[in-house]
N, C-alpha and C. Protein backbone atom coordinates (compact mmCIF):
# COMPACT_ATOMS: atom_id res chain seq x y z
N UNK A 1 -209.29 65.25 -64.50
CA UNK A 1 -209.38 63.71 -64.27
C UNK A 1 -209.36 63.02 -65.44
N UNK A 2 -208.36 62.00 -65.80
CA UNK A 2 -207.81 61.40 -66.98
C UNK A 2 -208.50 59.91 -67.01
N UNK A 3 -209.05 59.51 -68.04
CA UNK A 3 -209.56 58.37 -68.15
C UNK A 3 -208.70 57.10 -68.23
N UNK A 4 -209.07 55.88 -68.63
CA UNK A 4 -208.13 54.73 -68.26
C UNK A 4 -207.27 54.72 -69.70
N UNK A 5 -205.89 54.19 -69.26
CA UNK A 5 -204.94 54.20 -70.18
C UNK A 5 -205.13 53.50 -71.65
N UNK A 6 -204.93 53.94 -72.57
CA UNK A 6 -205.39 53.11 -73.73
C UNK A 6 -204.34 51.94 -73.70
N UNK A 7 -204.89 50.73 -74.28
CA UNK A 7 -204.09 49.36 -74.34
C UNK A 7 -203.29 49.47 -75.32
N UNK A 8 -201.91 48.67 -75.19
CA UNK A 8 -201.27 48.64 -76.72
C UNK A 8 -201.74 48.00 -77.73
N UNK A 9 -201.84 48.18 -78.66
CA UNK A 9 -202.01 47.57 -80.01
C UNK A 9 -201.06 46.64 -80.37
N UNK A 10 -201.30 46.24 -81.50
CA UNK A 10 -200.46 44.95 -81.95
C UNK A 10 -199.11 45.59 -82.35
N UNK A 11 -198.91 46.56 -83.07
CA UNK A 11 -197.73 47.33 -83.50
C UNK A 11 -197.10 47.63 -82.21
N UNK A 12 -197.71 48.26 -80.95
CA UNK A 12 -197.03 48.57 -79.78
C UNK A 12 -196.24 47.24 -79.12
N UNK A 13 -197.38 46.16 -79.25
CA UNK A 13 -196.92 45.06 -78.53
C UNK A 13 -195.58 44.50 -79.17
N UNK A 14 -195.42 44.48 -80.45
CA UNK A 14 -194.38 43.99 -81.32
C UNK A 14 -193.28 45.02 -81.16
N UNK A 15 -193.34 46.27 -80.91
CA UNK A 15 -192.52 47.16 -80.73
C UNK A 15 -191.86 46.59 -79.17
N UNK A 16 -192.37 46.22 -78.43
CA UNK A 16 -192.06 46.37 -77.03
C UNK A 16 -191.11 44.83 -77.02
N UNK A 17 -191.77 44.04 -77.81
CA UNK A 17 -191.11 42.50 -77.84
C UNK A 17 -189.61 42.84 -78.64
N UNK A 18 -189.33 43.68 -79.84
CA UNK A 18 -188.47 43.98 -80.56
C UNK A 18 -187.31 44.75 -79.39
N UNK A 19 -187.82 45.52 -78.78
CA UNK A 19 -187.07 46.07 -77.80
C UNK A 19 -186.40 44.99 -76.68
N UNK A 20 -187.35 44.31 -76.36
CA UNK A 20 -186.56 43.06 -75.07
C UNK A 20 -185.77 42.53 -76.16
N UNK A 21 -186.06 42.00 -77.13
CA UNK A 21 -185.17 41.06 -77.79
C UNK A 21 -184.19 41.66 -78.68
N UNK A 22 -183.83 43.17 -78.44
CA UNK A 22 -182.99 43.75 -79.46
C UNK A 22 -183.07 43.54 -80.78
N UNK A 23 -184.26 43.34 -81.53
CA UNK A 23 -184.21 43.14 -83.01
C UNK A 23 -184.89 44.16 -83.46
N UNK A 24 -185.20 44.03 -84.70
CA UNK A 24 -186.00 44.58 -85.54
C UNK A 24 -187.62 44.13 -85.40
N UNK A 25 -188.57 45.19 -85.48
CA UNK A 25 -189.81 44.62 -85.33
C UNK A 25 -190.31 43.52 -86.22
N UNK A 26 -189.83 43.63 -87.34
CA UNK A 26 -189.85 42.47 -88.31
C UNK A 26 -189.39 41.24 -88.03
N UNK A 27 -188.41 41.17 -87.26
CA UNK A 27 -187.96 39.82 -86.60
C UNK A 27 -188.81 39.44 -85.65
N UNK A 28 -189.61 40.00 -84.68
CA UNK A 28 -190.33 39.34 -83.73
C UNK A 28 -191.62 38.26 -84.43
N UNK A 29 -191.64 37.16 -83.95
CA UNK A 29 -192.50 36.08 -84.26
C UNK A 29 -193.67 36.56 -83.52
N UNK A 30 -194.87 35.59 -83.96
CA UNK A 30 -196.45 35.59 -83.42
C UNK A 30 -196.17 34.97 -82.02
N UNK A 31 -195.40 33.95 -81.83
CA UNK A 31 -195.34 33.42 -80.27
C UNK A 31 -194.60 34.34 -79.58
N UNK A 32 -195.01 34.17 -78.13
CA UNK A 32 -194.47 34.53 -77.24
C UNK A 32 -193.89 33.68 -76.21
N UNK A 33 -192.90 33.57 -75.58
CA UNK A 33 -192.61 32.48 -74.57
C UNK A 33 -192.85 33.32 -73.34
N UNK A 34 -192.22 32.44 -72.17
CA UNK A 34 -192.80 32.90 -70.97
C UNK A 34 -191.72 34.02 -70.43
N UNK A 35 -190.64 34.08 -70.88
CA UNK A 35 -189.46 35.18 -70.65
C UNK A 35 -189.81 36.23 -71.11
N UNK A 36 -190.56 36.38 -72.26
CA UNK A 36 -191.05 37.73 -73.50
C UNK A 36 -192.10 37.95 -72.30
N UNK A 37 -193.09 37.18 -72.12
CA UNK A 37 -194.31 37.24 -71.50
C UNK A 37 -193.94 38.12 -70.11
N UNK A 38 -193.11 37.47 -69.27
CA UNK A 38 -193.10 38.51 -68.21
C UNK A 38 -192.42 39.78 -68.17
N UNK A 39 -191.71 39.77 -69.18
CA UNK A 39 -190.94 41.10 -69.35
C UNK A 39 -192.13 42.16 -70.28
N UNK A 40 -193.04 41.30 -70.99
CA UNK A 40 -193.71 42.14 -71.77
C UNK A 40 -195.10 42.65 -70.82
N UNK A 41 -195.26 41.86 -69.81
CA UNK A 41 -196.28 42.42 -68.76
C UNK A 41 -195.49 43.61 -67.94
N UNK A 42 -194.39 43.60 -67.29
CA UNK A 42 -193.54 44.66 -66.62
C UNK A 42 -193.44 45.66 -67.77
N UNK A 43 -193.32 45.54 -68.80
CA UNK A 43 -192.95 46.83 -69.67
C UNK A 43 -194.37 47.70 -69.93
N UNK A 44 -195.29 46.93 -70.01
CA UNK A 44 -196.71 47.46 -70.15
C UNK A 44 -196.95 48.22 -68.89
N UNK A 45 -196.55 47.54 -67.45
CA UNK A 45 -197.14 48.34 -66.47
C UNK A 45 -196.19 49.36 -66.16
N UNK A 46 -194.86 49.58 -66.54
CA UNK A 46 -193.97 50.46 -66.48
C UNK A 46 -194.69 51.67 -67.40
N UNK A 47 -194.78 51.47 -68.72
CA UNK A 47 -195.18 52.47 -69.92
C UNK A 47 -196.50 53.08 -69.50
N UNK A 48 -197.40 52.42 -69.27
CA UNK A 48 -198.98 52.61 -69.17
C UNK A 48 -199.15 53.29 -67.72
N UNK A 49 -198.18 52.88 -66.73
CA UNK A 49 -198.55 53.54 -65.33
C UNK A 49 -199.65 52.58 -64.80
N UNK A 50 -199.73 51.18 -64.84
CA UNK A 50 -200.99 50.47 -64.47
C UNK A 50 -200.39 49.36 -63.66
N UNK A 51 -200.83 48.55 -62.88
CA UNK A 51 -200.89 47.31 -62.22
C UNK A 51 -201.82 46.39 -62.75
N UNK A 52 -201.30 45.72 -63.83
CA UNK A 52 -202.11 44.55 -64.32
C UNK A 52 -202.20 43.31 -63.18
N UNK A 53 -203.39 42.93 -63.21
CA UNK A 53 -203.74 41.61 -62.12
C UNK A 53 -204.21 40.53 -62.98
N UNK A 54 -203.09 39.92 -63.71
CA UNK A 54 -203.85 38.74 -64.63
C UNK A 54 -203.75 37.22 -64.08
N UNK A 55 -204.95 36.81 -64.40
CA UNK A 55 -204.90 35.50 -63.52
C UNK A 55 -204.13 34.48 -64.76
N UNK A 56 -204.16 33.26 -64.46
CA UNK A 56 -202.96 32.36 -65.09
C UNK A 56 -203.81 32.06 -66.35
N UNK A 57 -205.50 31.94 -66.61
CA UNK A 57 -205.91 31.75 -67.83
C UNK A 57 -205.70 32.74 -69.02
N UNK A 58 -205.64 34.03 -68.01
CA UNK A 58 -205.02 35.55 -68.92
C UNK A 58 -203.59 35.37 -69.61
N UNK A 59 -202.76 34.84 -68.70
CA UNK A 59 -201.43 34.60 -69.25
C UNK A 59 -201.28 33.66 -70.17
N UNK A 60 -201.99 32.47 -69.79
CA UNK A 60 -201.78 31.43 -70.96
C UNK A 60 -202.43 32.09 -72.27
N UNK A 61 -203.31 32.84 -72.14
CA UNK A 61 -203.99 33.32 -73.62
C UNK A 61 -202.96 34.25 -74.12
N UNK A 62 -202.05 34.49 -73.62
CA UNK A 62 -201.14 35.51 -74.19
C UNK A 62 -199.70 35.22 -74.66
N UNK A 63 -199.84 33.73 -75.21
CA UNK A 63 -198.86 32.72 -75.84
C UNK A 63 -198.27 33.31 -77.32
N UNK A 64 -199.37 34.39 -77.93
CA UNK A 64 -199.08 35.04 -79.22
C UNK A 64 -199.31 36.66 -78.84
N UNK A 65 -199.09 37.09 -80.13
CA UNK A 65 -199.06 38.33 -79.90
C UNK A 65 -200.24 38.79 -80.03
N UNK A 66 -200.93 38.09 -80.52
CA UNK A 66 -202.61 38.67 -80.80
C UNK A 66 -203.51 38.23 -79.61
N UNK A 67 -202.96 36.98 -78.88
CA UNK A 67 -203.68 37.06 -77.78
C UNK A 67 -203.11 37.98 -76.56
N UNK A 68 -201.90 38.40 -76.53
CA UNK A 68 -201.66 39.44 -75.64
C UNK A 68 -202.44 40.85 -76.09
N UNK A 69 -202.44 41.16 -77.24
CA UNK A 69 -203.39 42.57 -77.61
C UNK A 69 -204.75 41.92 -77.29
N UNK A 70 -205.25 41.11 -77.22
CA UNK A 70 -206.49 41.00 -76.31
C UNK A 70 -206.72 41.02 -75.20
N UNK A 71 -205.78 40.19 -74.64
CA UNK A 71 -205.99 40.18 -73.14
C UNK A 71 -205.45 41.56 -72.60
N UNK A 72 -204.62 42.43 -73.14
CA UNK A 72 -204.16 43.55 -72.81
C UNK A 72 -205.36 44.43 -72.62
N UNK A 73 -206.02 44.42 -73.64
CA UNK A 73 -207.36 45.29 -73.77
C UNK A 73 -208.14 45.30 -73.12
N UNK A 74 -208.42 43.84 -72.80
CA UNK A 74 -209.50 43.78 -71.71
C UNK A 74 -209.07 44.07 -70.39
N UNK A 75 -207.78 43.86 -70.05
CA UNK A 75 -207.24 43.95 -68.79
C UNK A 75 -207.15 45.35 -68.56
N UNK A 76 -206.72 46.20 -69.22
CA UNK A 76 -206.48 47.45 -68.90
C UNK A 76 -207.59 48.35 -68.98
N UNK A 77 -208.86 47.78 -69.37
CA UNK A 77 -209.69 48.59 -69.33
C UNK A 77 -210.32 48.88 -67.78
N UNK A 78 -210.16 47.88 -67.15
CA UNK A 78 -210.23 48.10 -65.67
C UNK A 78 -209.00 48.06 -64.58
N UNK A 79 -207.90 48.36 -65.41
CA UNK A 79 -206.53 48.23 -64.51
C UNK A 79 -206.82 49.48 -63.64
N UNK A 80 -206.29 49.83 -62.49
CA UNK A 80 -205.96 50.58 -61.67
C UNK A 80 -204.85 51.39 -61.92
N UNK A 81 -204.37 52.70 -61.75
CA UNK A 81 -203.18 53.21 -61.87
C UNK A 81 -202.33 52.88 -60.63
N UNK A 82 -200.89 52.46 -61.55
CA UNK A 82 -200.16 52.20 -60.12
C UNK A 82 -199.43 53.22 -59.49
N UNK A 83 -199.87 53.47 -58.50
CA UNK A 83 -199.33 54.84 -57.68
C UNK A 83 -198.54 54.38 -56.78
N UNK A 84 -197.76 52.94 -56.68
CA UNK A 84 -196.50 52.97 -56.04
C UNK A 84 -195.41 52.48 -56.92
N UNK A 85 -195.71 53.06 -58.18
CA UNK A 85 -194.44 53.06 -59.04
C UNK A 85 -193.67 54.08 -58.54
N UNK A 86 -192.05 53.55 -58.71
CA UNK A 86 -191.11 54.52 -58.45
C UNK A 86 -190.16 55.05 -59.76
């Protein structure tokens, strides 16, 4: 039986955003726009095999890298495995 997925840390979030933006991690800014946020949530769900059920307040708090790390850390503690992923 496996435990909950580890949440991505700051370096992981930056690496995912760099991948999305096709740029070096050093070029990733602290702010996260709405398109980056949608992609980040999708990428985390795919990479970690979880389904995130984030409310509007949580999504709003993810407007920075630091905010995203904090929200993902909390959300992934109780996230259910995504058994419907293909």
